[in-house]
Full PDB file with SEQRES, HELIX, SHEET, SSBOND, CRYST1, ORIGX, SCALE, CONECT and MASTER records, all heavy atoms in Angstrom:
SEQRES   1 A   35  PRO GLU PRO ARG GLU VAL ALA PHE ARG THR GLY GLY ASP          
SEQRES   2 A   35  GLY ASP GLY ASP ASP LEU LEU VAL ASP VAL LEU GLY ASP          
SEQRES   3 A   35  ARG HIS SER LYS PRO GLY PRO ASP GLY                          
CRYST1    1.000    1.000    1.000  90.00  90.00  90.00 P 1           1          
ORIGX1      1.000000  0.000000  0.000000        0.00000                         
ORIGX2      0.000000  1.000000  0.000000        0.00000                         
ORIGX3      0.000000  0.000000  1.000000        0.00000                         
SCALE1      1.000000  0.000000  0.000000        0.00000                         
SCALE2      0.000000  1.000000  0.000000        0.00000                         
SCALE3      0.000000  0.000000  1.000000        0.00000                         
ATOM      1  N   PRO A   1     -95.841   1.492 -10.993  1.00  0.00           N  
ATOM      2  CA  PRO A   1     -94.450   1.640 -10.509  1.00  0.00           C  
ATOM      3  C   PRO A   1     -94.298   1.158  -9.060  1.00  0.00           C  
ATOM      4  O   PRO A   1     -93.202   0.949  -8.478  1.00  0.00           O  
ATOM      5  CB  PRO A   1     -94.212   3.081 -10.628  1.00  0.00           C  
ATOM      6  CG  PRO A   1     -95.539   3.741 -10.668  1.00  0.00           C  
ATOM      7  CD  PRO A   1     -96.443   2.778 -11.373  1.00  0.00           C  
ATOM      8  N   GLU A   2     -95.394   1.006  -8.315  1.00  0.00           N  
ATOM      9  CA  GLU A   2     -95.364   0.618  -6.882  1.00  0.00           C  
ATOM     10  C   GLU A   2     -95.616  -0.896  -6.820  1.00  0.00           C  
ATOM     11  O   GLU A   2     -96.307  -1.513  -7.595  1.00  0.00           O  
ATOM     12  CB  GLU A   2     -96.440   1.315  -6.109  1.00  0.00           C  
ATOM     13  CG  GLU A   2     -96.280   2.857  -6.103  1.00  0.00           C  
ATOM     14  CD  GLU A   2     -94.900   3.283  -5.427  1.00  0.00           C  
ATOM     15  OE1 GLU A   2     -94.415   2.563  -4.453  1.00  0.00           O  
ATOM     16  OE2 GLU A   2     -94.339   4.250  -5.859  1.00  0.00           O  
ATOM     17  N   PRO A   3     -94.993  -1.524  -5.789  1.00  0.00           N  
ATOM     18  CA  PRO A   3     -95.156  -3.006  -5.539  1.00  0.00           C  
ATOM     19  C   PRO A   3     -96.597  -3.296  -5.310  1.00  0.00           C  
ATOM     20  O   PRO A   3     -97.360  -2.443  -4.743  1.00  0.00           O  
ATOM     21  CB  PRO A   3     -94.288  -3.289  -4.312  1.00  0.00           C  
ATOM     22  CG  PRO A   3     -93.354  -2.146  -4.222  1.00  0.00           C  
ATOM     23  CD  PRO A   3     -94.040  -0.973  -4.775  1.00  0.00           C  
ATOM     24  N   ARG A   4     -97.076  -4.497  -5.657  1.00  0.00           N  
ATOM     25  CA  ARG A   4     -98.444  -4.974  -5.374  1.00  0.00           C  
ATOM     26  C   ARG A   4     -98.377  -6.392  -4.751  1.00  0.00           C  
ATOM     27  O   ARG A   4     -97.359  -7.077  -4.967  1.00  0.00           O  
ATOM     28  CB  ARG A   4     -99.247  -5.065  -6.667  1.00  0.00           C  
ATOM     29  CG  ARG A   4     -99.019  -3.893  -7.582  1.00  0.00           C  
ATOM     30  CD  ARG A   4     -99.399  -2.591  -7.105  1.00  0.00           C  
ATOM     31  NE  ARG A   4    -100.816  -2.231  -7.235  1.00  0.00           N  
ATOM     32  CZ  ARG A   4    -101.261  -1.047  -7.167  1.00  0.00           C  
ATOM     33  NH1 ARG A   4    -100.455  -0.016  -6.913  1.00  0.00           N  
ATOM     34  NH2 ARG A   4    -102.557  -0.758  -7.258  1.00  0.00           N  
ATOM     35  N   GLU A   5     -99.423  -6.746  -4.103  1.00  0.00           N  
ATOM     36  CA  GLU A   5     -99.613  -8.131  -3.671  1.00  0.00           C  
ATOM     37  C   GLU A   5    -100.615  -8.764  -4.618  1.00  0.00           C  
ATOM     38  O   GLU A   5    -101.729  -8.272  -4.805  1.00  0.00           O  
ATOM     39  CB  GLU A   5    -100.019  -8.222  -2.262  1.00  0.00           C  
ATOM     40  CG  GLU A   5    -100.133  -9.715  -1.754  1.00  0.00           C  
ATOM     41  CD  GLU A   5    -100.390  -9.867  -0.365  1.00  0.00           C  
ATOM     42  OE1 GLU A   5    -101.525  -9.824   0.100  1.00  0.00           O  
ATOM     43  OE2 GLU A   5     -99.332 -10.113   0.372  1.00  0.00           O  
ATOM     44  N   VAL A   6    -100.238  -9.908  -5.233  1.00  0.00           N  
ATOM     45  CA  VAL A   6    -101.062 -10.548  -6.239  1.00  0.00           C  
ATOM     46  C   VAL A   6    -101.709 -11.765  -5.637  1.00  0.00           C  
ATOM     47  O   VAL A   6    -101.082 -12.536  -4.829  1.00  0.00           O  
ATOM     48  CB  VAL A   6    -100.219 -11.009  -7.396  1.00  0.00           C  
ATOM     49  CG1 VAL A   6    -101.085 -11.641  -8.486  1.00  0.00           C  
ATOM     50  CG2 VAL A   6     -99.435  -9.811  -8.009  1.00  0.00           C  
ATOM     51  N   ALA A   7    -102.943 -11.946  -5.915  1.00  0.00           N  
ATOM     52  CA  ALA A   7    -103.707 -13.172  -5.450  1.00  0.00           C  
ATOM     53  C   ALA A   7    -104.632 -13.660  -6.557  1.00  0.00           C  
ATOM     54  O   ALA A   7    -105.456 -12.830  -7.124  1.00  0.00           O  
ATOM     55  CB  ALA A   7    -104.513 -12.844  -4.168  1.00  0.00           C  
ATOM     56  N   PHE A   8    -104.469 -14.893  -6.939  1.00  0.00           N  
ATOM     57  CA  PHE A   8    -105.291 -15.443  -8.055  1.00  0.00           C  
ATOM     58  C   PHE A   8    -105.293 -16.927  -7.959  1.00  0.00           C  
ATOM     59  O   PHE A   8    -104.422 -17.601  -7.391  1.00  0.00           O  
ATOM     60  CB  PHE A   8    -104.800 -14.949  -9.426  1.00  0.00           C  
ATOM     61  CG  PHE A   8    -103.418 -15.378  -9.801  1.00  0.00           C  
ATOM     62  CD1 PHE A   8    -103.235 -16.616 -10.456  1.00  0.00           C  
ATOM     63  CD2 PHE A   8    -102.332 -14.679  -9.362  1.00  0.00           C  
ATOM     64  CE1 PHE A   8    -101.925 -17.063 -10.752  1.00  0.00           C  
ATOM     65  CE2 PHE A   8    -101.053 -15.032  -9.740  1.00  0.00           C  
ATOM     66  CZ  PHE A   8    -100.908 -16.232 -10.380  1.00  0.00           C  
ATOM     67  N   ARG A   9    -106.359 -17.505  -8.606  1.00  0.00           N  
ATOM     68  CA  ARG A   9    -106.387 -18.936  -8.826  1.00  0.00           C  
ATOM     69  C   ARG A   9    -105.985 -19.228 -10.308  1.00  0.00           C  
ATOM     70  O   ARG A   9    -106.263 -18.425 -11.160  1.00  0.00           O  
ATOM     71  CB  ARG A   9    -107.809 -19.451  -8.597  1.00  0.00           C  
ATOM     72  CG  ARG A   9    -108.221 -19.434  -7.148  1.00  0.00           C  
ATOM     73  CD  ARG A   9    -109.617 -20.057  -6.936  1.00  0.00           C  
ATOM     74  NE  ARG A   9    -109.941 -20.163  -5.543  1.00  0.00           N  
ATOM     75  CZ  ARG A   9    -110.424 -19.202  -4.770  1.00  0.00           C  
ATOM     76  NH1 ARG A   9    -110.654 -18.026  -5.307  1.00  0.00           N  
ATOM     77  NH2 ARG A   9    -110.683 -19.427  -3.489  1.00  0.00           N  
ATOM     78  N   THR A  10    -105.297 -20.295 -10.501  1.00  0.00           N  
ATOM     79  CA  THR A  10    -104.790 -20.558 -11.873  1.00  0.00           C  
ATOM     80  C   THR A  10    -105.872 -21.035 -12.781  1.00  0.00           C  
ATOM     81  O   THR A  10    -105.694 -20.959 -14.072  1.00  0.00           O  
ATOM     82  CB  THR A  10    -103.734 -21.687 -11.797  1.00  0.00           C  
ATOM     83  OG1 THR A  10    -104.192 -22.847 -11.205  1.00  0.00           O  
ATOM     84  CG2 THR A  10    -102.539 -21.189 -10.953  1.00  0.00           C  
ATOM     85  N   GLY A  11    -106.964 -21.531 -12.285  1.00  0.00           N  
ATOM     86  CA  GLY A  11    -108.131 -21.740 -13.157  1.00  0.00           C  
ATOM     87  C   GLY A  11    -108.159 -23.114 -13.890  1.00  0.00           C  
ATOM     88  O   GLY A  11    -109.032 -23.320 -14.748  1.00  0.00           O  
ATOM     89  N   GLY A  12    -107.235 -24.002 -13.641  1.00  0.00           N  
ATOM     90  CA  GLY A  12    -107.149 -25.286 -14.346  1.00  0.00           C  
ATOM     91  C   GLY A  12    -107.833 -26.376 -13.477  1.00  0.00           C  
ATOM     92  O   GLY A  12    -108.396 -26.191 -12.405  1.00  0.00           O  
ATOM     93  N   ASP A  13    -107.764 -27.571 -14.063  1.00  0.00           N  
ATOM     94  CA  ASP A  13    -108.389 -28.763 -13.484  1.00  0.00           C  
ATOM     95  C   ASP A  13    -107.727 -28.982 -12.130  1.00  0.00           C  
ATOM     96  O   ASP A  13    -108.321 -29.546 -11.172  1.00  0.00           O  
ATOM     97  CB  ASP A  13    -108.273 -29.973 -14.320  1.00  0.00           C  
ATOM     98  CG  ASP A  13    -109.105 -29.850 -15.610  1.00  0.00           C  
ATOM     99  OD1 ASP A  13    -110.029 -28.993 -15.503  1.00  0.00           O  
ATOM    100  OD2 ASP A  13    -108.755 -30.456 -16.593  1.00  0.00           O  
ATOM    101  N   GLY A  14    -106.392 -28.735 -11.983  1.00  0.00           N  
ATOM    102  CA  GLY A  14    -105.702 -28.983 -10.767  1.00  0.00           C  
ATOM    103  C   GLY A  14    -105.610 -27.823  -9.853  1.00  0.00           C  
ATOM    104  O   GLY A  14    -104.729 -27.699  -9.021  1.00  0.00           O  
ATOM    105  N   ASP A  15    -106.572 -26.865 -10.029  1.00  0.00           N  
ATOM    106  CA  ASP A  15    -106.555 -25.625  -9.185  1.00  0.00           C  
ATOM    107  C   ASP A  15    -106.522 -25.990  -7.736  1.00  0.00           C  
ATOM    108  O   ASP A  15    -107.393 -26.738  -7.220  1.00  0.00           O  
ATOM    109  CB  ASP A  15    -107.764 -24.861  -9.543  1.00  0.00           C  
ATOM    110  CG  ASP A  15    -107.693 -23.490  -8.920  1.00  0.00           C  
ATOM    111  OD1 ASP A  15    -106.587 -23.009  -8.571  1.00  0.00           O  
ATOM    112  OD2 ASP A  15    -108.749 -22.759  -8.857  1.00  0.00           O  
ATOM    113  N   GLY A  16    -105.559 -25.410  -7.052  1.00  0.00           N  
ATOM    114  CA  GLY A  16    -105.401 -25.715  -5.603  1.00  0.00           C  
ATOM    115  C   GLY A  16    -104.328 -26.652  -5.262  1.00  0.00           C  
ATOM    116  O   GLY A  16    -103.898 -26.729  -4.151  1.00  0.00           O  
ATOM    117  N   ASP A  17    -103.835 -27.371  -6.347  1.00  0.00           N  
ATOM    118  CA  ASP A  17    -102.793 -28.419  -6.099  1.00  0.00           C  
ATOM    119  C   ASP A  17    -101.518 -28.060  -6.788  1.00  0.00           C  
ATOM    120  O   ASP A  17    -100.427 -28.542  -6.408  1.00  0.00           O  
ATOM    121  CB  ASP A  17    -103.248 -29.740  -6.618  1.00  0.00           C  
ATOM    122  CG  ASP A  17    -104.547 -30.225  -5.955  1.00  0.00           C  
ATOM    123  OD1 ASP A  17    -104.705 -29.994  -4.730  1.00  0.00           O  
ATOM    124  OD2 ASP A  17    -105.456 -30.750  -6.702  1.00  0.00           O  
ATOM    125  N   ASP A  18    -101.556 -27.150  -7.867  1.00  0.00           N  
ATOM    126  CA  ASP A  18    -100.354 -26.994  -8.667  1.00  0.00           C  
ATOM    127  C   ASP A  18     -99.404 -25.978  -8.181  1.00  0.00           C  
ATOM    128  O   ASP A  18     -99.769 -24.902  -7.741  1.00  0.00           O  
ATOM    129  CB  ASP A  18    -100.839 -26.626 -10.143  1.00  0.00           C  
ATOM    130  CG  ASP A  18    -101.524 -27.718 -10.856  1.00  0.00           C  
ATOM    131  OD1 ASP A  18    -101.126 -28.903 -10.635  1.00  0.00           O  
ATOM    132  OD2 ASP A  18    -102.494 -27.501 -11.610  1.00  0.00           O  
ATOM    133  N   LEU A  19     -98.110 -26.322  -8.217  1.00  0.00           N  
ATOM    134  CA  LEU A  19     -97.036 -25.447  -7.968  1.00  0.00           C  
ATOM    135  C   LEU A  19     -96.793 -24.508  -9.154  1.00  0.00           C  
ATOM    136  O   LEU A  19     -96.788 -25.013 -10.320  1.00  0.00           O  
ATOM    137  CB  LEU A  19     -95.783 -26.210  -7.641  1.00  0.00           C  
ATOM    138  CG  LEU A  19     -94.501 -25.456  -7.406  1.00  0.00           C  
ATOM    139  CD1 LEU A  19     -94.542 -24.603  -6.107  1.00  0.00           C  
ATOM    140  CD2 LEU A  19     -93.317 -26.419  -7.395  1.00  0.00           C  
ATOM    141  N   LEU A  20     -96.595 -23.232  -8.975  1.00  0.00           N  
ATOM    142  CA  LEU A  20     -96.148 -22.371 -10.032  1.00  0.00           C  
ATOM    143  C   LEU A  20     -94.625 -22.339 -10.023  1.00  0.00           C  
ATOM    144  O   LEU A  20     -94.027 -21.859  -9.044  1.00  0.00           O  
ATOM    145  CB  LEU A  20     -96.672 -20.990  -9.902  1.00  0.00           C  
ATOM    146  CG  LEU A  20     -98.220 -20.837 -10.156  1.00  0.00           C  
ATOM    147  CD1 LEU A  20     -98.610 -19.404  -9.888  1.00  0.00           C  
ATOM    148  CD2 LEU A  20     -98.494 -21.189 -11.621  1.00  0.00           C  
ATOM    149  N   VAL A  21     -93.930 -22.821 -11.088  1.00  0.00           N  
ATOM    150  CA  VAL A  21     -92.493 -22.897 -11.205  1.00  0.00           C  
ATOM    151  C   VAL A  21     -91.977 -21.667 -11.890  1.00  0.00           C  
ATOM    152  O   VAL A  21     -92.322 -21.451 -13.040  1.00  0.00           O  
ATOM    153  CB  VAL A  21     -92.093 -24.149 -11.904  1.00  0.00           C  
ATOM    154  CG1 VAL A  21     -90.591 -24.199 -11.980  1.00  0.00           C  
ATOM    155  CG2 VAL A  21     -92.598 -25.341 -11.183  1.00  0.00           C  
ATOM    156  N   ASP A  22     -91.173 -20.803 -11.205  1.00  0.00           N  
ATOM    157  CA  ASP A  22     -90.586 -19.606 -11.785  1.00  0.00           C  
ATOM    158  C   ASP A  22     -89.505 -20.034 -12.776  1.00  0.00           C  
ATOM    159  O   ASP A  22     -88.456 -20.542 -12.346  1.00  0.00           O  
ATOM    160  CB  ASP A  22     -90.034 -18.770 -10.615  1.00  0.00           C  
ATOM    161  CG  ASP A  22     -89.596 -17.447 -11.135  1.00  0.00           C  
ATOM    162  OD1 ASP A  22     -89.396 -17.234 -12.307  1.00  0.00           O  
ATOM    163  OD2 ASP A  22     -89.421 -16.518 -10.262  1.00  0.00           O  
ATOM    164  N   VAL A  23     -89.708 -19.730 -14.101  1.00  0.00           N  
ATOM    165  CA  VAL A  23     -88.736 -20.171 -15.058  1.00  0.00           C  
ATOM    166  C   VAL A  23     -87.638 -19.121 -15.352  1.00  0.00           C  
ATOM    167  O   VAL A  23     -86.717 -19.420 -15.979  1.00  0.00           O  
ATOM    168  CB  VAL A  23     -89.462 -20.487 -16.431  1.00  0.00           C  
ATOM    169  CG1 VAL A  23     -90.411 -21.677 -16.228  1.00  0.00           C  
ATOM    170  CG2 VAL A  23     -90.168 -19.258 -16.999  1.00  0.00           C  
ATOM    171  N   LEU A  24     -87.845 -17.930 -14.700  1.00  0.00           N  
ATOM    172  CA  LEU A  24     -86.780 -16.904 -14.844  1.00  0.00           C  
ATOM    173  C   LEU A  24     -85.950 -16.730 -13.499  1.00  0.00           C  
ATOM    174  O   LEU A  24     -85.064 -15.928 -13.440  1.00  0.00           O  
ATOM    175  CB  LEU A  24     -87.437 -15.582 -15.207  1.00  0.00           C  
ATOM    176  CG  LEU A  24     -88.158 -15.531 -16.503  1.00  0.00           C  
ATOM    177  CD1 LEU A  24     -88.755 -14.137 -16.704  1.00  0.00           C  
ATOM    178  CD2 LEU A  24     -87.225 -15.837 -17.680  1.00  0.00           C  
ATOM    179  N   GLY A  25     -86.373 -17.477 -12.543  1.00  0.00           N  
ATOM    180  CA  GLY A  25     -85.602 -17.335 -11.195  1.00  0.00           C  
ATOM    181  C   GLY A  25     -86.091 -18.585 -10.315  1.00  0.00           C  
ATOM    182  O   GLY A  25     -86.392 -19.615 -10.817  1.00  0.00           O  
ATOM    183  N   ASP A  26     -86.004 -18.315  -9.048  1.00  0.00           N  
ATOM    184  CA  ASP A  26     -86.327 -19.402  -8.135  1.00  0.00           C  
ATOM    185  C   ASP A  26     -87.494 -18.965  -7.107  1.00  0.00           C  
ATOM    186  O   ASP A  26     -87.608 -19.522  -5.996  1.00  0.00           O  
ATOM    187  CB  ASP A  26     -85.161 -19.831  -7.321  1.00  0.00           C  
ATOM    188  CG  ASP A  26     -84.465 -18.666  -6.550  1.00  0.00           C  
ATOM    189  OD1 ASP A  26     -85.051 -17.550  -6.572  1.00  0.00           O  
ATOM    190  OD2 ASP A  26     -83.438 -18.851  -5.882  1.00  0.00           O  
ATOM    191  N   ARG A  27     -88.312 -18.026  -7.556  1.00  0.00           N  
ATOM    192  CA  ARG A  27     -89.393 -17.551  -6.689  1.00  0.00           C  
ATOM    193  C   ARG A  27     -90.631 -18.315  -7.043  1.00  0.00           C  
ATOM    194  O   ARG A  27     -91.582 -17.806  -7.582  1.00  0.00           O  
ATOM    195  CB  ARG A  27     -89.573 -16.110  -6.879  1.00  0.00           C  
ATOM    196  CG  ARG A  27     -88.393 -15.260  -6.400  1.00  0.00           C  
ATOM    197  CD  ARG A  27     -88.614 -13.774  -6.598  1.00  0.00           C  
ATOM    198  NE  ARG A  27     -88.653 -13.428  -8.063  1.00  0.00           N  
ATOM    199  CZ  ARG A  27     -88.840 -12.224  -8.573  1.00  0.00           C  
ATOM    200  NH1 ARG A  27     -88.995 -11.240  -7.737  1.00  0.00           N  
ATOM    201  NH2 ARG A  27     -88.813 -12.018  -9.917  1.00  0.00           N  
ATOM    202  N   HIS A  28     -90.728 -19.635  -6.748  1.00  0.00           N  
ATOM    203  CA  HIS A  28     -91.789 -20.498  -7.052  1.00  0.00           C  
ATOM    204  C   HIS A  28     -92.975 -20.127  -6.139  1.00  0.00           C  
ATOM    205  O   HIS A  28     -92.794 -19.508  -5.073  1.00  0.00           O  
ATOM    206  CB  HIS A  28     -91.495 -21.916  -6.876  1.00  0.00           C  
ATOM    207  CG  HIS A  28     -90.154 -22.341  -7.496  1.00  0.00           C  
ATOM    208  ND1 HIS A  28     -89.870 -22.064  -8.892  1.00  0.00           N  
ATOM    209  CD2 HIS A  28     -89.027 -22.945  -6.988  1.00  0.00           C  
ATOM    210  CE1 HIS A  28     -88.657 -22.450  -9.130  1.00  0.00           C  
ATOM    211  NE2 HIS A  28     -88.135 -23.050  -8.063  1.00  0.00           N  
ATOM    212  N   SER A  29     -94.135 -20.503  -6.469  1.00  0.00           N  
ATOM    213  CA  SER A  29     -95.364 -20.234  -5.695  1.00  0.00           C  
ATOM    214  C   SER A  29     -96.242 -21.396  -5.450  1.00  0.00           C  
ATOM    215  O   SER A  29     -96.590 -22.122  -6.403  1.00  0.00           O  
ATOM    216  CB  SER A  29     -96.208 -19.095  -6.402  1.00  0.00           C  
ATOM    217  OG  SER A  29     -97.355 -18.839  -5.771  1.00  0.00           O  
ATOM    218  N   LYS A  30     -96.533 -21.663  -4.173  1.00  0.00           N  
ATOM    219  CA  LYS A  30     -97.448 -22.686  -3.775  1.00  0.00           C  
ATOM    220  C   LYS A  30     -98.828 -22.158  -3.436  1.00  0.00           C  
ATOM    221  O   LYS A  30     -98.820 -21.010  -2.853  1.00  0.00           O  
ATOM    222  CB  LYS A  30     -96.923 -23.503  -2.556  1.00  0.00           C  
ATOM    223  CG  LYS A  30     -95.691 -24.310  -2.891  1.00  0.00           C  
ATOM    224  CD  LYS A  30     -95.211 -25.086  -1.684  1.00  0.00           C  
ATOM    225  CE  LYS A  30     -93.954 -25.873  -1.905  1.00  0.00           C  
ATOM    226  NZ  LYS A  30     -93.572 -26.686  -0.688  1.00  0.00           N  
ATOM    227  N   PRO A  31     -99.878 -22.763  -3.816  1.00  0.00           N  
ATOM    228  CA  PRO A  31    -101.186 -22.242  -3.530  1.00  0.00           C  
ATOM    229  C   PRO A  31    -101.448 -22.327  -1.957  1.00  0.00           C  
ATOM    230  O   PRO A  31    -100.993 -23.222  -1.326  1.00  0.00           O  
ATOM    231  CB  PRO A  31    -102.205 -23.117  -4.291  1.00  0.00           C  
ATOM    232  CG  PRO A  31    -101.370 -24.446  -4.465  1.00  0.00           C  
ATOM    233  CD  PRO A  31    -100.004 -24.008  -4.613  1.00  0.00           C  
ATOM    234  N   GLY A  32    -102.226 -21.432  -1.478  1.00  0.00           N  
ATOM    235  CA  GLY A  32    -102.641 -21.400  -0.128  1.00  0.00           C  
ATOM    236  C   GLY A  32    -103.788 -22.346   0.213  1.00  0.00           C  
ATOM    237  O   GLY A  32    -104.299 -22.979  -0.775  1.00  0.00           O  
ATOM    238  N   PRO A  33    -104.256 -22.369   1.446  1.00  0.00           N  
ATOM    239  CA  PRO A  33    -105.365 -23.266   1.678  1.00  0.00           C  
ATOM    240  C   PRO A  33    -106.610 -22.953   0.949  1.00  0.00           C  
ATOM    241  O   PRO A  33    -107.471 -23.830   0.713  1.00  0.00           O  
ATOM    242  CB  PRO A  33    -105.521 -23.002   3.164  1.00  0.00           C  
ATOM    243  CG  PRO A  33    -104.238 -22.420   3.762  1.00  0.00           C  
ATOM    244  CD  PRO A  33    -103.654 -21.687   2.524  1.00  0.00           C  
ATOM    245  N   ASP A  34    -106.799 -21.710   0.512  1.00  0.00           N  
ATOM    246  CA  ASP A  34    -107.973 -21.388  -0.248  1.00  0.00           C  
ATOM    247  C   ASP A  34    -107.800 -21.673  -1.785  1.00  0.00           C  
ATOM    248  O   ASP A  34    -108.678 -21.345  -2.572  1.00  0.00           O  
ATOM    249  CB  ASP A  34    -108.367 -19.930  -0.013  1.00  0.00           C  
ATOM    250  CG  ASP A  34    -107.267 -18.953  -0.542  1.00  0.00           C  
ATOM    251  OD1 ASP A  34    -106.167 -19.439  -0.854  1.00  0.00           O  
ATOM    252  OD2 ASP A  34    -107.526 -17.678  -0.513  1.00  0.00           O  
ATOM    253  N   GLY A  35    -106.638 -22.207  -2.142  1.00  0.00           N  
ATOM    254  CA  GLY A  35    -106.376 -22.467  -3.550  1.00  0.00           C  
ATOM    255  C   GLY A  35    -105.848 -21.421  -4.350  1.00  0.00           C  
ATOM    256  O   GLY A  35    -105.592 -21.509  -5.575  1.00  0.00           O  
TER     257      GLY A  35                                                      
MASTER        0    0    0    0    0    0    0    6  256    1    0    3          
END                                                                             
């Protein structure tokens, strides 16, 4: 029930480069310097 901060790698071949496109809104996510 409480907010959390999420941190993860997507695990694919393009890990560190890929944008996560929010398909239910506009809160897209770009990877940080650590991927």
